[in-house]
Amino acid sequence: MTKQAGGQRRLAMAHAARVRTTDDGTPLTVDGQRVAHVRESWLVEDRWWTEQPLRRRYWELVSEAGRDLVVYHDLASGRWLRQR
């Protein structure tokens, strides 16, 4: 987290990710790292009442090297982003 003006803290920013998936959308690789295990997946739908609704499918993964990965697929834009 980084500190901002007013004492508020901001969570880590997401960065573009290269994700290869199965036919059903499950990640197989993230930035060249093979996925060994899917811990969980969840859908976030928010701000549906605005002009810019938010629809994301999140994935908490473990790479073959044992690293924790969190990525999401922005369902509006089609982009994949990585949070850690």
Protein backbone atom coordinates (compact mmCIF):
# COMPACT_ATOMS: atom_id res chain seq x y z
CA MET A 1 0.00 0.00 0.00
CA THR A 2 1.04 3.55 -0.58
CA LYS A 3 0.02 6.58 1.46
CA GLN A 4 -1.87 9.39 -0.24
CA ALA A 5 -2.80 12.92 0.74
CA GLY A 6 -5.40 13.04 3.49
CA GLY A 7 -3.98 9.93 5.22
CA GLN A 8 -5.81 7.49 2.96
CA ARG A 9 -4.07 4.35 1.80
CA ARG A 10 -4.39 2.94 -1.67
CA LEU A 11 -4.15 -0.76 -2.48
CA ALA A 12 -1.53 -1.96 -4.94
CA MET A 13 -2.35 -1.01 -8.50
CA ALA A 14 -3.15 -3.70 -11.02
CA HIS A 15 -0.85 -4.20 -13.99
CA ALA A 16 -1.53 -5.70 -17.41
CA ALA A 17 -0.93 -9.44 -17.50
CA ARG A 18 -0.44 -12.01 -20.24
CA VAL A 19 -2.81 -14.86 -19.41
CA ARG A 20 -3.35 -18.07 -21.36
CA THR A 21 -6.59 -19.85 -20.50
CA THR A 22 -8.53 -23.04 -21.05
CA ASP A 23 -11.62 -22.91 -23.26
CA ASP A 24 -13.76 -22.13 -20.20
CA GLY A 25 -11.54 -19.17 -19.18
CA THR A 26 -9.53 -20.78 -16.37
CA PRO A 27 -5.95 -19.41 -16.35
CA LEU A 28 -3.21 -21.86 -17.40
CA THR A 29 -0.31 -19.41 -17.36
CA VAL A 30 0.18 -15.88 -16.03
CA ASP A 31 3.09 -13.89 -17.47
CA GLY A 32 4.75 -17.15 -18.48
CA GLN A 33 4.30 -18.82 -15.07
CA ARG A 34 2.35 -22.08 -15.15
CA VAL A 35 -0.63 -22.33 -12.82
CA ALA A 36 -0.48 -25.36 -10.52
CA HIS A 37 -3.65 -24.75 -8.52
CA VAL A 38 -6.75 -22.55 -8.54
CA ARG A 39 -7.56 -21.55 -4.96
CA GLU A 40 -10.77 -19.74 -5.84
CA SER A 41 -12.57 -17.63 -8.39
CA TRP A 42 -15.25 -15.01 -7.87
CA LEU A 43 -17.28 -12.52 -9.86
CA VAL A 44 -17.54 -8.84 -8.92
CA GLU A 45 -20.36 -6.79 -10.39
CA ASP A 46 -20.60 -3.23 -9.10
CA ARG A 47 -21.59 0.26 -10.19
CA TRP A 48 -24.23 -1.29 -12.47
CA TRP A 49 -26.29 1.87 -12.02
CA THR A 50 -23.58 4.11 -13.53
CA GLU A 51 -22.33 4.72 -17.06
CA GLN A 52 -19.21 2.68 -16.23
CA PRO A 53 -20.30 -0.55 -14.55
CA LEU A 54 -17.64 -2.87 -13.17
CA ARG A 55 -17.64 -6.59 -14.12
CA ARG A 56 -14.58 -8.64 -13.22
CA ARG A 57 -13.81 -12.33 -12.78
CA TYR A 58 -11.05 -12.71 -10.17
CA TRP A 59 -8.76 -15.72 -9.82
CA GLU A 60 -6.56 -16.57 -6.83
CA LEU A 61 -3.91 -18.96 -8.11
CA VAL A 62 -0.72 -20.76 -7.10
CA SER A 63 2.07 -21.02 -9.66
CA GLU A 64 4.17 -24.16 -10.14
CA ALA A 65 6.96 -22.26 -8.34
CA GLY A 66 4.66 -21.86 -5.31
CA ARG A 67 3.93 -18.14 -5.77
CA ASP A 68 0.52 -16.71 -4.95
CA LEU A 69 -1.05 -14.89 -7.90
CA VAL A 70 -4.22 -12.81 -8.10
CA VAL A 71 -5.43 -11.85 -11.55
CA TYR A 72 -8.71 -10.62 -12.90
CA HIS A 73 -10.39 -10.57 -16.27
CA ASP A 74 -12.17 -7.27 -16.92
CA LEU A 75 -15.30 -8.56 -18.61
CA ALA A 76 -16.16 -5.15 -20.10
CA SER A 77 -12.81 -4.54 -21.83
CA GLY A 78 -11.55 -8.13 -22.15
CA ARG A 79 -8.23 -7.17 -20.51
CA TRP A 80 -6.40 -9.31 -17.96
CA LEU A 81 -4.74 -7.59 -15.01
CA ARG A 82 -2.53 -8.83 -12.18
CA GLN A 83 -2.74 -7.56 -8.63
CA ARG A 84 0.14 -9.57 -7.14
